[in-house]
Amino acid sequence: MVSTLRLADVTFLHWAVEPSAVAPLLPAGVEPDTIGDTTYVGLVGLRMAQVGVLHSPGIPYLGSFPQTNVRLYSVDRLGRRGVAFCSMDAARLLPVLAGRATGLPCRWSRMTVRADGACRTYITRRRQARSVVRVEVGGAAEPTPLDDFLTARWGLHVRRAGRLWHLPIEHPAWGLRTARVVSCRDELVAAAGILLPQDQEPVSVLWSPGVPARFGRPEPVS
């Protein structure tokens, strides 16, 4: 079944990590995708909007909610690049349950996305971890090869019922803008099992107003 949605107010924060440090966190059957022998962990805050099934309009209330993801970058034996989620915090219970049924590491959390002029604040609270990220959005970004590597991802990898699956996603170009971190107090990355050096700044900070997206049918990899 195909789902449609809009990914809105998306902030991408990324840190460089050694592939060997995150390989055990990936679903069996994929490897860390790298650029220049380095891979990355992403902390991505956004608003999910107009979530629907097939070409139906978004479901009222349940179809719009904040979400924060900790994600890694993966490549399977067929050479398909994607993302692999370590955690997906969302503010609506039913979408969380639906995500868990597909094998995604979804969590039901208290969340807020705030807009104040050029600033965006993403607040996530769950029982054992919290995250408060505030960024200031700048002008249009001229995408670099690293920007493309981190954001031009057309699917995700997930392991379910003993099999590895690739879930394709289609959307237009992000329309990226520069951003700077005003403050970042995050515990979600560490809670996912990824230890960054204390006070290490992200190597990439980007923002996008968002894109419409469409998920395709899962395809078995192994």
N, C-alpha and C. Protein backbone atom coordinates (compact mmCIF):
# COMPACT_ATOMS: atom_id res chain seq x y z
N MET A 1 0.84 -1.18 0.00
CA MET A 1 0.00 0.00 0.00
C MET A 1 0.89 1.24 0.00
N VAL A 2 0.55 2.24 -0.78
CA VAL A 2 1.36 3.43 -0.94
C VAL A 2 0.82 4.52 -0.02
N SER A 3 1.70 5.21 0.68
CA SER A 3 1.32 6.31 1.54
C SER A 3 1.85 7.61 0.96
N THR A 4 1.07 8.68 1.09
CA THR A 4 1.50 10.00 0.68
C THR A 4 1.57 10.89 1.91
N LEU A 5 2.43 11.87 1.86
CA LEU A 5 2.61 12.76 2.99
C LEU A 5 3.41 13.98 2.56
N ARG A 6 3.52 14.93 3.48
CA ARG A 6 4.40 16.07 3.27
C ARG A 6 5.37 16.13 4.43
N LEU A 7 6.66 16.23 4.12
CA LEU A 7 7.70 16.43 5.11
C LEU A 7 7.97 17.92 5.19
N ALA A 8 7.72 18.54 6.33
CA ALA A 8 7.76 20.00 6.44
C ALA A 8 8.70 20.45 7.55
N ASP A 9 9.23 21.68 7.39
CA ASP A 9 10.08 22.29 8.43
C ASP A 9 11.19 21.34 8.85
N VAL A 10 11.96 20.86 7.89
CA VAL A 10 12.93 19.80 8.13
C VAL A 10 14.31 20.39 8.43
N THR A 11 14.86 20.03 9.57
CA THR A 11 16.22 20.42 9.93
C THR A 11 17.10 19.18 9.99
N PHE A 12 18.23 19.23 9.28
CA PHE A 12 19.19 18.12 9.24
C PHE A 12 20.45 18.53 10.00
N LEU A 13 20.78 17.81 11.04
CA LEU A 13 22.06 17.95 11.72
C LEU A 13 22.83 16.65 11.52
N HIS A 14 24.11 16.76 11.16
CA HIS A 14 24.91 15.55 10.90
C HIS A 14 26.29 15.65 11.53
N TRP A 15 26.72 14.50 12.05
CA TRP A 15 28.05 14.34 12.61
C TRP A 15 28.76 13.21 11.88
N ALA A 16 30.07 13.38 11.65
CA ALA A 16 30.87 12.33 11.03
C ALA A 16 31.20 11.25 12.07
N VAL A 17 31.11 9.99 11.66
CA VAL A 17 31.44 8.86 12.53
C VAL A 17 32.20 7.80 11.74
N GLU A 18 32.95 6.98 12.45
CA GLU A 18 33.64 5.87 11.81
C GLU A 18 32.64 4.79 11.41
N PRO A 19 32.73 4.26 10.19
CA PRO A 19 31.81 3.21 9.78
C PRO A 19 31.78 2.02 10.73
N SER A 20 32.94 1.64 11.27
CA SER A 20 32.98 0.47 12.15
C SER A 20 32.24 0.72 13.46
N ALA A 21 32.09 1.99 13.84
CA ALA A 21 31.41 2.31 15.09
C ALA A 21 29.90 2.15 14.99
N VAL A 22 29.35 2.28 13.79
CA VAL A 22 27.90 2.22 13.64
C VAL A 22 27.43 0.99 12.87
N ALA A 23 28.34 0.24 12.29
CA ALA A 23 27.94 -0.95 11.53
C ALA A 23 27.08 -1.91 12.35
N PRO A 24 27.39 -2.15 13.64
CA PRO A 24 26.54 -3.08 14.41
C PRO A 24 25.12 -2.59 14.63
N LEU A 25 24.87 -1.30 14.42
CA LEU A 25 23.54 -0.75 14.64
C LEU A 25 22.65 -0.85 13.41
N LEU A 26 23.22 -1.23 12.28
CA LEU A 26 22.46 -1.32 11.04
C LEU A 26 21.73 -2.66 10.95
N PRO A 27 20.63 -2.71 10.18
CA PRO A 27 19.96 -3.99 9.97
C PRO A 27 20.90 -4.98 9.31
N ALA A 28 20.82 -6.24 9.72
CA ALA A 28 21.65 -7.28 9.10
C ALA A 28 21.36 -7.32 7.60
N GLY A 29 22.44 -7.31 6.82
CA GLY A 29 22.29 -7.36 5.37
C GLY A 29 22.65 -6.06 4.67
N VAL A 30 22.91 -4.99 5.44
CA VAL A 30 23.37 -3.74 4.84
C VAL A 30 24.67 -3.32 5.52
N GLU A 31 25.41 -2.46 4.84
CA GLU A 31 26.65 -1.92 5.36
C GLU A 31 26.55 -0.40 5.44
N PRO A 32 27.43 0.23 6.23
CA PRO A 32 27.43 1.69 6.25
C PRO A 32 27.78 2.24 4.87
N ASP A 33 26.98 3.18 4.41
CA ASP A 33 27.31 3.89 3.17
C ASP A 33 28.29 5.00 3.54
N THR A 34 29.28 5.21 2.69
CA THR A 34 30.35 6.14 3.04
C THR A 34 30.61 7.12 1.91
N ILE A 35 31.20 8.24 2.30
CA ILE A 35 31.73 9.20 1.35
C ILE A 35 33.09 9.62 1.90
N GLY A 36 34.14 9.40 1.12
CA GLY A 36 35.48 9.67 1.61
C GLY A 36 35.85 8.81 2.81
N ASP A 37 35.44 7.55 2.83
CA ASP A 37 35.73 6.60 3.92
C ASP A 37 35.08 6.99 5.24
N THR A 38 34.11 7.89 5.20
CA THR A 38 33.43 8.34 6.41
C THR A 38 31.93 8.16 6.22
N THR A 39 31.25 7.83 7.30
CA THR A 39 29.80 7.82 7.28
C THR A 39 29.29 8.83 8.30
N TYR A 40 27.99 8.94 8.44
CA TYR A 40 27.42 10.02 9.25
C TYR A 40 26.21 9.53 10.03
N VAL A 41 25.98 10.20 11.14
CA VAL A 41 24.74 10.01 11.89
C VAL A 41 23.95 11.31 11.79
N GLY A 42 22.68 11.18 11.50
CA GLY A 42 21.82 12.34 11.34
C GLY A 42 20.79 12.46 12.45
N LEU A 43 20.60 13.67 12.93
CA LEU A 43 19.49 14.00 13.83
C LEU A 43 18.59 14.92 13.03
N VAL A 44 17.39 14.45 12.73
CA VAL A 44 16.50 15.15 11.79
C VAL A 44 15.18 15.46 12.48
N GLY A 45 14.90 16.75 12.63
CA GLY A 45 13.62 17.18 13.18
C GLY A 45 12.73 17.69 12.07
N LEU A 46 11.42 17.41 12.17
CA LEU A 46 10.50 17.79 11.10
C LEU A 46 9.07 17.74 11.60
N ARG A 47 8.18 18.17 10.72
CA ARG A 47 6.75 17.97 10.92
C ARG A 47 6.22 17.07 9.80
N MET A 48 5.56 16.00 10.18
CA MET A 48 4.85 15.18 9.21
C MET A 48 3.48 15.82 8.99
N ALA A 49 3.08 15.98 7.75
CA ALA A 49 1.81 16.64 7.45
C ALA A 49 1.11 15.93 6.30
N GLN A 50 -0.20 16.01 6.30
CA GLN A 50 -1.02 15.49 5.20
C GLN A 50 -0.74 14.01 4.93
N VAL A 51 -0.52 13.24 6.00
CA VAL A 51 -0.27 11.81 5.84
C VAL A 51 -1.57 11.13 5.41
N GLY A 52 -1.51 10.40 4.30
CA GLY A 52 -2.69 9.71 3.79
C GLY A 52 -2.32 8.39 3.16
N VAL A 53 -3.32 7.67 2.70
CA VAL A 53 -3.14 6.38 2.05
C VAL A 53 -3.53 6.51 0.59
N LEU A 54 -2.70 5.91 -0.29
CA LEU A 54 -2.88 6.07 -1.73
C LEU A 54 -2.89 7.56 -2.05
N HIS A 55 -3.89 8.05 -2.73
CA HIS A 55 -3.93 9.47 -3.09
C HIS A 55 -4.98 10.22 -2.28
N SER A 56 -5.36 9.67 -1.14
CA SER A 56 -6.36 10.32 -0.30
C SER A 56 -5.75 11.54 0.38
N PRO A 57 -6.58 12.53 0.75
CA PRO A 57 -6.06 13.67 1.49
C PRO A 57 -5.58 13.23 2.86
N GLY A 58 -4.81 14.09 3.51
CA GLY A 58 -4.27 13.75 4.80
C GLY A 58 -5.35 13.47 5.83
N ILE A 59 -5.06 12.55 6.73
CA ILE A 59 -5.99 12.19 7.79
C ILE A 59 -6.00 13.29 8.83
N PRO A 60 -7.16 13.85 9.17
CA PRO A 60 -7.20 14.92 10.17
C PRO A 60 -6.58 14.48 11.49
N TYR A 61 -5.87 15.36 12.14
CA TYR A 61 -5.21 15.18 13.43
C TYR A 61 -4.12 14.11 13.37
N LEU A 62 -4.49 12.87 13.09
CA LEU A 62 -3.52 11.79 13.09
C LEU A 62 -2.49 11.95 11.97
N GLY A 63 -2.85 12.71 10.92
CA GLY A 63 -1.97 12.85 9.78
C GLY A 63 -1.00 14.00 9.86
N SER A 64 -0.95 14.71 10.98
CA SER A 64 -0.02 15.83 11.14
C SER A 64 0.56 15.77 12.55
N PHE A 65 1.90 15.71 12.63
CA PHE A 65 2.53 15.61 13.94
C PHE A 65 4.04 15.84 13.82
N PRO A 66 4.69 16.28 14.90
CA PRO A 66 6.14 16.41 14.90
C PRO A 66 6.82 15.04 14.94
N GLN A 67 8.03 15.01 14.42
CA GLN A 67 8.81 13.78 14.43
C GLN A 67 10.29 14.13 14.51
N THR A 68 11.06 13.32 15.23
CA THR A 68 12.51 13.47 15.28
C THR A 68 13.14 12.11 15.04
N ASN A 69 14.09 12.05 14.11
CA ASN A 69 14.72 10.79 13.73
C ASN A 69 16.22 10.82 14.00
N VAL A 70 16.74 9.71 14.48
CA VAL A 70 18.17 9.45 14.47
C VAL A 70 18.41 8.42 13.39
N ARG A 71 19.24 8.75 12.42
CA ARG A 71 19.37 7.85 11.27
C ARG A 71 20.82 7.69 10.84
N LEU A 72 21.06 6.54 10.21
CA LEU A 72 22.35 6.20 9.62
C LEU A 72 22.17 5.97 8.13
N TYR A 73 23.29 5.80 7.43
CA TYR A 73 23.26 5.69 5.97
C TYR A 73 23.75 4.31 5.55
N SER A 74 22.95 3.67 4.70
CA SER A 74 23.11 2.25 4.42
C SER A 74 23.17 1.98 2.93
N VAL A 75 23.77 0.85 2.59
CA VAL A 75 23.79 0.37 1.21
C VAL A 75 23.64 -1.15 1.27
N ASP A 76 22.79 -1.70 0.38
CA ASP A 76 22.54 -3.15 0.42
C ASP A 76 23.35 -3.85 -0.67
N ARG A 77 23.21 -5.16 -0.75
CA ARG A 77 24.01 -5.97 -1.68
C ARG A 77 23.69 -5.67 -3.14
N LEU A 78 22.52 -5.04 -3.39
CA LEU A 78 22.14 -4.67 -4.75
C LEU A 78 22.62 -3.27 -5.09
N GLY A 79 23.32 -2.63 -4.16
CA GLY A 79 23.86 -1.29 -4.40
C GLY A 79 22.88 -0.17 -4.15
N ARG A 80 21.71 -0.49 -3.57
CA ARG A 80 20.73 0.55 -3.31
C ARG A 80 21.08 1.27 -2.02
N ARG A 81 21.22 2.59 -2.13
CA ARG A 81 21.52 3.41 -0.97
C ARG A 81 20.24 3.81 -0.27
N GLY A 82 20.32 3.95 1.03
CA GLY A 82 19.14 4.34 1.78
C GLY A 82 19.51 4.87 3.14
N VAL A 83 18.51 4.97 4.00
CA VAL A 83 18.72 5.32 5.39
C VAL A 83 18.24 4.15 6.24
N ALA A 84 18.83 4.05 7.41
CA ALA A 84 18.40 3.07 8.41
C ALA A 84 18.18 3.84 9.70
N PHE A 85 16.99 3.74 10.25
CA PHE A 85 16.64 4.53 11.43
C PHE A 85 17.05 3.79 12.71
N CYS A 86 17.70 4.53 13.59
CA CYS A 86 17.99 4.03 14.94
C CYS A 86 16.82 4.30 15.87
N SER A 87 16.15 5.43 15.67
CA SER A 87 14.96 5.76 16.44
C SER A 87 14.13 6.75 15.64
N MET A 88 12.81 6.67 15.86
CA MET A 88 11.86 7.58 15.21
C MET A 88 10.84 7.99 16.28
N ASP A 89 11.02 9.17 16.84
CA ASP A 89 10.09 9.68 17.84
C ASP A 89 8.97 10.44 17.14
N ALA A 90 7.74 10.16 17.52
CA ALA A 90 6.58 10.82 16.93
C ALA A 90 5.57 11.13 18.02
N ALA A 91 4.74 12.15 17.76
CA ALA A 91 3.82 12.65 18.77
C ALA A 91 2.42 12.06 18.65
N ARG A 92 2.20 11.08 17.77
CA ARG A 92 0.89 10.45 17.63
C ARG A 92 1.05 8.94 17.83
N LEU A 93 0.21 8.36 18.66
CA LEU A 93 0.34 6.96 19.01
C LEU A 93 0.04 6.03 17.83
N LEU A 94 -1.06 6.27 17.11
CA LEU A 94 -1.42 5.34 16.04
C LEU A 94 -0.35 5.26 14.95
N PRO A 95 0.21 6.39 14.47
CA PRO A 95 1.32 6.26 13.52
C PRO A 95 2.51 5.51 14.09
N VAL A 96 2.76 5.67 15.40
CA VAL A 96 3.86 4.92 16.02
C VAL A 96 3.59 3.42 15.96
N LEU A 97 2.37 3.02 16.29
CA LEU A 97 2.02 1.59 16.24
C LEU A 97 2.10 1.05 14.82
N ALA A 98 1.64 1.86 13.85
CA ALA A 98 1.72 1.43 12.45
C ALA A 98 3.16 1.28 12.01
N GLY A 99 4.02 2.20 12.43
CA GLY A 99 5.43 2.10 12.08
C GLY A 99 6.09 0.88 12.68
N ARG A 100 5.77 0.59 13.95
CA ARG A 100 6.34 -0.59 14.60
C ARG A 100 5.94 -1.87 13.87
N ALA A 101 4.71 -1.89 13.35
CA ALA A 101 4.24 -3.08 12.64
C ALA A 101 5.05 -3.35 11.38
N THR A 102 5.68 -2.32 10.82
CA THR A 102 6.52 -2.49 9.63
C THR A 102 7.99 -2.69 9.98
N GLY A 103 8.30 -2.74 11.28
CA GLY A 103 9.68 -2.97 11.70
C GLY A 103 10.46 -1.72 12.03
N LEU A 104 9.83 -0.54 11.95
CA LEU A 104 10.54 0.70 12.24
C LEU A 104 10.62 0.94 13.75
N PRO A 105 11.73 1.54 14.23
CA PRO A 105 11.94 1.73 15.67
C PRO A 105 11.22 2.98 16.18
N CYS A 106 9.90 2.99 16.09
CA CYS A 106 9.11 4.17 16.44
C CYS A 106 8.86 4.24 17.94
N ARG A 107 8.81 5.47 18.46
CA ARG A 107 8.54 5.72 19.87
C ARG A 107 7.50 6.83 19.98
N TRP A 108 6.64 6.69 20.94
CA TRP A 108 5.64 7.72 21.21
C TRP A 108 6.22 8.68 22.23
N SER A 109 6.36 9.95 21.84
CA SER A 109 7.03 10.94 22.67
C SER A 109 6.25 12.25 22.68
N ARG A 110 6.52 13.05 23.68
CA ARG A 110 5.97 14.41 23.71
C ARG A 110 6.88 15.30 22.86
N MET A 111 6.28 15.99 21.90
CA MET A 111 7.09 16.73 20.94
C MET A 111 6.44 18.05 20.57
N THR A 112 7.32 19.02 20.21
CA THR A 112 6.86 20.33 19.77
C THR A 112 7.82 20.83 18.69
N VAL A 113 7.27 21.46 17.66
CA VAL A 113 8.06 22.21 16.69
C VAL A 113 7.57 23.65 16.72
N ARG A 114 8.47 24.59 16.98
CA ARG A 114 8.10 25.99 17.09
C ARG A 114 8.82 26.81 16.03
N ALA A 115 8.10 27.75 15.44
CA ALA A 115 8.67 28.68 14.47
C ALA A 115 8.60 30.09 15.05
N ASP A 116 9.73 30.77 15.04
CA ASP A 116 9.82 32.14 15.53
C ASP A 116 10.70 32.93 14.59
N GLY A 117 10.08 33.55 13.57
CA GLY A 117 10.86 34.22 12.55
C GLY A 117 11.71 33.23 11.80
N ALA A 118 13.02 33.47 11.76
CA ALA A 118 13.94 32.57 11.06
C ALA A 118 14.37 31.39 11.92
N CYS A 119 13.93 31.33 13.16
CA CYS A 119 14.36 30.26 14.07
C CYS A 119 13.34 29.13 14.11
N ARG A 120 13.84 27.92 14.26
CA ARG A 120 13.02 26.74 14.45
C ARG A 120 13.53 25.99 15.68
N THR A 121 12.59 25.57 16.53
CA THR A 121 12.93 24.82 17.74
C THR A 121 12.21 23.49 17.72
N TYR A 122 12.97 22.41 17.95
CA TYR A 122 12.44 21.05 17.95
C TYR A 122 12.66 20.46 19.35
N ILE A 123 11.57 20.13 20.02
CA ILE A 123 11.64 19.61 21.38
C ILE A 123 11.06 18.20 21.40
N THR A 124 11.84 17.27 21.93
CA THR A 124 11.42 15.87 22.04
C THR A 124 11.68 15.40 23.46
N ARG A 125 10.66 14.82 24.07
CA ARG A 125 10.80 14.28 25.44
C ARG A 125 10.23 12.87 25.48
N ARG A 126 11.06 11.94 25.89
CA ARG A 126 10.59 10.59 26.22
C ARG A 126 11.16 10.19 27.56
N ARG A 127 10.78 9.04 28.05
CA ARG A 127 11.08 8.69 29.44
C ARG A 127 12.56 8.75 29.76
N GLN A 128 13.41 8.27 28.86
CA GLN A 128 14.82 8.14 29.18
C GLN A 128 15.73 9.06 28.38
N ALA A 129 15.17 9.94 27.58
CA ALA A 129 16.00 10.84 26.79
C ALA A 129 15.17 12.03 26.33
N ARG A 130 15.87 13.12 26.06
CA ARG A 130 15.20 14.30 25.52
C ARG A 130 16.13 15.03 24.57
N SER A 131 15.56 15.90 23.79
CA SER A 131 16.33 16.66 22.81
C SER A 131 15.68 18.02 22.62
N VAL A 132 16.50 19.07 22.66
CA VAL A 132 16.03 20.42 22.35
C VAL A 132 17.03 21.03 21.37
N VAL A 133 16.59 21.23 20.15
CA VAL A 133 17.46 21.76 19.09
C VAL A 133 16.84 23.04 18.55
N ARG A 134 17.64 24.09 18.50
CA ARG A 134 17.17 25.37 17.96
C ARG A 134 18.15 25.82 16.89
N VAL A 135 17.63 26.12 15.69
CA VAL A 135 18.47 26.56 14.59
C VAL A 135 17.93 27.86 14.02
N GLU A 136 18.81 28.60 13.39
CA GLU A 136 18.43 29.81 12.67
C GLU A 136 18.63 29.56 11.18
N VAL A 137 17.59 29.75 10.41
CA VAL A 137 17.60 29.43 8.98
C VAL A 137 18.19 30.61 8.20
N GLY A 138 19.07 30.28 7.25
CA GLY A 138 19.69 31.29 6.42
C GLY A 138 19.17 31.27 4.98
N GLY A 139 20.06 31.59 4.05
CA GLY A 139 19.67 31.68 2.65
C GLY A 139 19.77 30.35 1.93
N ALA A 140 19.49 30.40 0.65
CA ALA A 140 19.52 29.19 -0.17
C ALA A 140 20.92 28.59 -0.16
N ALA A 141 20.98 27.26 -0.08
CA ALA A 141 22.25 26.55 -0.07
C ALA A 141 22.55 26.02 -1.46
N GLU A 142 23.79 26.11 -1.86
CA GLU A 142 24.27 25.47 -3.08
C GLU A 142 24.74 24.08 -2.69
N PRO A 143 23.96 23.03 -2.99
CA PRO A 143 24.28 21.70 -2.46
C PRO A 143 25.67 21.23 -2.85
N THR A 144 26.39 20.72 -1.87
CA THR A 144 27.69 20.12 -2.07
C THR A 144 27.52 18.60 -2.25
N PRO A 145 28.57 17.91 -2.69
CA PRO A 145 28.46 16.44 -2.75
C PRO A 145 28.06 15.82 -1.42
N LEU A 146 28.55 16.38 -0.31
CA LEU A 146 28.16 15.86 1.00
C LEU A 146 26.67 16.11 1.26
N ASP A 147 26.17 17.30 0.91
CA ASP A 147 24.75 17.60 1.09
C ASP A 147 23.89 16.59 0.32
N ASP A 148 24.30 16.30 -0.91
CA ASP A 148 23.55 15.33 -1.72
C ASP A 148 23.60 13.94 -1.08
N PHE A 149 24.78 13.56 -0.60
CA PHE A 149 24.92 12.24 0.04
C PHE A 149 23.98 12.12 1.23
N LEU A 150 23.84 13.17 2.01
CA LEU A 150 23.07 13.12 3.25
C LEU A 150 21.57 13.26 3.04
N THR A 151 21.15 13.92 1.98
CA THR A 151 19.72 14.24 1.83
C THR A 151 19.06 13.60 0.61
N ALA A 152 19.82 13.28 -0.42
CA ALA A 152 19.22 12.70 -1.63
C ALA A 152 19.15 11.18 -1.48
N ARG A 153 18.24 10.75 -0.63
CA ARG A 153 18.07 9.35 -0.30
C ARG A 153 16.69 8.91 -0.76
N TRP A 154 16.63 7.83 -1.50
CA TRP A 154 15.38 7.44 -2.16
C TRP A 154 14.81 6.14 -1.62
N GLY A 155 15.11 5.86 -0.36
CA GLY A 155 14.55 4.66 0.24
C GLY A 155 15.11 4.44 1.62
N LEU A 156 14.54 3.50 2.31
CA LEU A 156 15.05 3.13 3.64
C LEU A 156 15.13 1.62 3.74
N HIS A 157 16.03 1.18 4.60
CA HIS A 157 16.21 -0.24 4.86
C HIS A 157 15.64 -0.58 6.23
N VAL A 158 14.93 -1.68 6.29
CA VAL A 158 14.34 -2.13 7.54
C VAL A 158 14.30 -3.65 7.55
N ARG A 159 14.50 -4.23 8.71
CA ARG A 159 14.43 -5.69 8.83
C ARG A 159 13.14 -6.06 9.55
N ARG A 160 12.38 -6.94 8.93
CA ARG A 160 11.08 -7.34 9.49
C ARG A 160 10.83 -8.81 9.15
N ALA A 161 10.35 -9.55 10.15
CA ALA A 161 10.01 -10.97 9.98
C ALA A 161 11.19 -11.76 9.41
N GLY A 162 12.41 -11.42 9.87
CA GLY A 162 13.58 -12.16 9.46
C GLY A 162 14.11 -11.84 8.08
N ARG A 163 13.55 -10.81 7.44
CA ARG A 163 14.00 -10.44 6.09
C ARG A 163 14.37 -8.97 6.05
N LEU A 164 15.28 -8.64 5.15
CA LEU A 164 15.65 -7.26 4.92
C LEU A 164 14.80 -6.70 3.78
N TRP A 165 14.26 -5.50 4.00
CA TRP A 165 13.40 -4.86 3.02
C TRP A 165 13.93 -3.48 2.66
N HIS A 166 13.68 -3.11 1.41
CA HIS A 166 13.97 -1.75 0.95
C HIS A 166 12.64 -1.08 0.63
N LEU A 167 12.38 0.05 1.27
CA LEU A 167 11.15 0.79 1.06
C LEU A 167 11.46 2.05 0.25
N PRO A 168 11.07 2.10 -1.03
CA PRO A 168 11.39 3.27 -1.86
C PRO A 168 10.55 4.48 -1.48
N ILE A 169 11.11 5.66 -1.71
CA ILE A 169 10.41 6.91 -1.47
C ILE A 169 10.72 7.86 -2.62
N GLU A 170 9.70 8.58 -3.07
CA GLU A 170 9.85 9.55 -4.15
C GLU A 170 9.49 10.93 -3.63
N HIS A 171 10.31 11.91 -3.98
CA HIS A 171 9.98 13.30 -3.66
C HIS A 171 10.87 14.22 -4.51
N PRO A 172 10.46 15.47 -4.71
CA PRO A 172 11.29 16.40 -5.46
C PRO A 172 12.49 16.85 -4.65
N ALA A 173 13.35 17.66 -5.27
CA ALA A 173 14.52 18.18 -4.57
C ALA A 173 14.10 18.96 -3.33
N TRP A 174 14.93 18.91 -2.31
CA TRP A 174 14.57 19.48 -1.01
C TRP A 174 14.45 21.00 -1.00
N GLY A 175 15.15 21.71 -1.86
CA GLY A 175 15.19 23.16 -1.74
C GLY A 175 15.91 23.56 -0.46
N LEU A 176 17.16 23.11 -0.33
CA LEU A 176 17.90 23.28 0.91
C LEU A 176 18.30 24.72 1.17
N ARG A 177 18.33 25.07 2.45
CA ARG A 177 18.82 26.36 2.90
C ARG A 177 19.87 26.15 3.99
N THR A 178 20.78 27.09 4.09
CA THR A 178 21.78 27.01 5.15
C THR A 178 21.10 27.22 6.50
N ALA A 179 21.76 26.78 7.55
CA ALA A 179 21.26 26.99 8.90
C ALA A 179 22.43 26.94 9.86
N ARG A 180 22.25 27.55 11.01
CA ARG A 180 23.26 27.47 12.06
C ARG A 180 22.59 27.05 13.36
N VAL A 181 23.34 26.31 14.16
CA VAL A 181 22.82 25.84 15.43
C VAL A 181 22.89 26.98 16.45
N VAL A 182 21.75 27.34 17.00
CA VAL A 182 21.70 28.29 18.10
C VAL A 182 21.98 27.57 19.41
N SER A 183 21.35 26.41 19.59
CA SER A 183 21.61 25.57 20.76
C SER A 183 21.21 24.14 20.42
N CYS A 184 21.91 23.19 21.03
CA CYS A 184 21.60 21.77 20.81
C CYS A 184 21.92 21.01 22.09
N ARG A 185 20.87 20.55 22.72
CA ARG A 185 21.02 19.70 23.92
C ARG A 185 20.29 18.39 23.60
N ASP A 186 21.05 17.44 23.12
CA ASP A 186 20.44 16.21 22.60
C ASP A 186 20.94 14.98 23.33
N GLU A 187 19.99 14.09 23.68
CA GLU A 187 20.32 12.80 24.27
C GLU A 187 19.87 11.63 23.40
N LEU A 188 19.20 11.93 22.28
CA LEU A 188 18.65 10.86 21.45
C LEU A 188 19.74 10.08 20.72
N VAL A 189 20.77 10.79 20.25
CA VAL A 189 21.85 10.10 19.53
C VAL A 189 22.56 9.13 20.47
N ALA A 190 22.89 9.57 21.68
CA ALA A 190 23.54 8.68 22.64
C ALA A 190 22.63 7.53 23.03
N ALA A 191 21.32 7.81 23.17
CA ALA A 191 20.37 6.75 23.53
C ALA A 191 20.29 5.68 22.44
N ALA A 192 20.62 6.05 21.20
CA ALA A 192 20.62 5.10 20.09
C ALA A 192 21.88 4.25 20.06
N GLY A 193 22.83 4.53 20.96
CA GLY A 193 24.06 3.75 21.02
C GLY A 193 25.22 4.37 20.27
N ILE A 194 25.10 5.65 19.93
CA ILE A 194 26.16 6.35 19.19
C ILE A 194 26.76 7.41 20.09
N LEU A 195 28.02 7.24 20.46
CA LEU A 195 28.69 8.15 21.38
C LEU A 195 29.56 9.12 20.58
N LEU A 196 29.20 10.39 20.62
CA LEU A 196 29.97 11.43 19.97
C LEU A 196 30.87 12.10 21.01
N PRO A 197 32.04 12.62 20.58
CA PRO A 197 32.87 13.38 21.52
C PRO A 197 32.07 14.52 22.14
N GLN A 198 32.29 14.77 23.41
CA GLN A 198 31.54 15.80 24.11
C GLN A 198 31.70 17.15 23.43
N ASP A 199 30.56 17.83 23.25
CA ASP A 199 30.52 19.17 22.64
C ASP A 199 30.97 19.20 21.19
N GLN A 200 30.98 18.04 20.52
CA GLN A 200 31.34 18.03 19.10
C GLN A 200 30.25 18.71 18.29
N GLU A 201 30.61 19.68 17.48
CA GLU A 201 29.65 20.39 16.65
C GLU A 201 29.30 19.56 15.41
N PRO A 202 28.07 19.66 14.93
CA PRO A 202 27.73 18.96 13.68
C PRO A 202 28.54 19.52 12.51
N VAL A 203 28.89 18.65 11.57
CA VAL A 203 29.67 19.08 10.41
C VAL A 203 28.77 19.62 9.31
N SER A 204 27.47 19.37 9.41
CA SER A 204 26.52 19.84 8.40
C SER A 204 25.22 20.20 9.10
N VAL A 205 24.71 21.41 8.79
CA VAL A 205 23.42 21.87 9.31
C VAL A 205 22.64 22.46 8.14
N LEU A 206 21.49 21.89 7.83
CA LEU A 206 20.69 22.31 6.70
C LEU A 206 19.22 22.37 7.11
N TRP A 207 18.44 23.14 6.38
CA TRP A 207 17.00 23.24 6.63
C TRP A 207 16.28 23.25 5.29
N SER A 208 15.07 22.72 5.27
CA SER A 208 14.23 22.77 4.08
C SER A 208 12.79 23.05 4.50
N PRO A 209 12.07 23.86 3.72
CA PRO A 209 10.65 24.06 4.02
C PRO A 209 9.84 22.79 3.86
N GLY A 210 10.39 21.83 3.08
CA GLY A 210 9.73 20.54 2.97
C GLY A 210 9.38 20.16 1.56
N VAL A 211 8.92 18.92 1.41
CA VAL A 211 8.56 18.38 0.11
C VAL A 211 7.38 17.43 0.28
N PRO A 212 6.55 17.28 -0.77
CA PRO A 212 5.60 16.17 -0.77
C PRO A 212 6.35 14.88 -1.08
N ALA A 213 5.89 13.78 -0.52
CA ALA A 213 6.59 12.52 -0.72
C ALA A 213 5.59 11.38 -0.88
N ARG A 214 6.07 10.31 -1.48
CA ARG A 214 5.23 9.14 -1.68
C ARG A 214 6.07 7.89 -1.44
N PHE A 215 5.60 7.02 -0.58
CA PHE A 215 6.27 5.75 -0.32
C PHE A 215 5.72 4.68 -1.24
N GLY A 216 6.61 3.88 -1.79
CA GLY A 216 6.22 2.77 -2.64
C GLY A 216 6.08 1.48 -1.85
N ARG A 217 5.93 0.39 -2.56
CA ARG A 217 5.78 -0.92 -1.93
C ARG A 217 7.14 -1.44 -1.48
N PRO A 218 7.21 -2.02 -0.28
CA PRO A 218 8.49 -2.61 0.17
C PRO A 218 8.96 -3.70 -0.77
N GLU A 219 10.28 -3.75 -0.98
CA GLU A 219 10.88 -4.74 -1.86
C GLU A 219 11.86 -5.59 -1.04
N PRO A 220 11.73 -6.91 -1.09
CA PRO A 220 12.65 -7.75 -0.32
C PRO A 220 14.06 -7.69 -0.89
N VAL A 221 15.04 -7.63 0.00
CA VAL A 221 16.44 -7.65 -0.40
C VAL A 221 17.03 -9.03 -0.16
N SER A 222 16.69 -9.62 0.98
CA SER A 222 17.21 -10.96 1.30
C SER A 222 16.24 -11.67 2.23
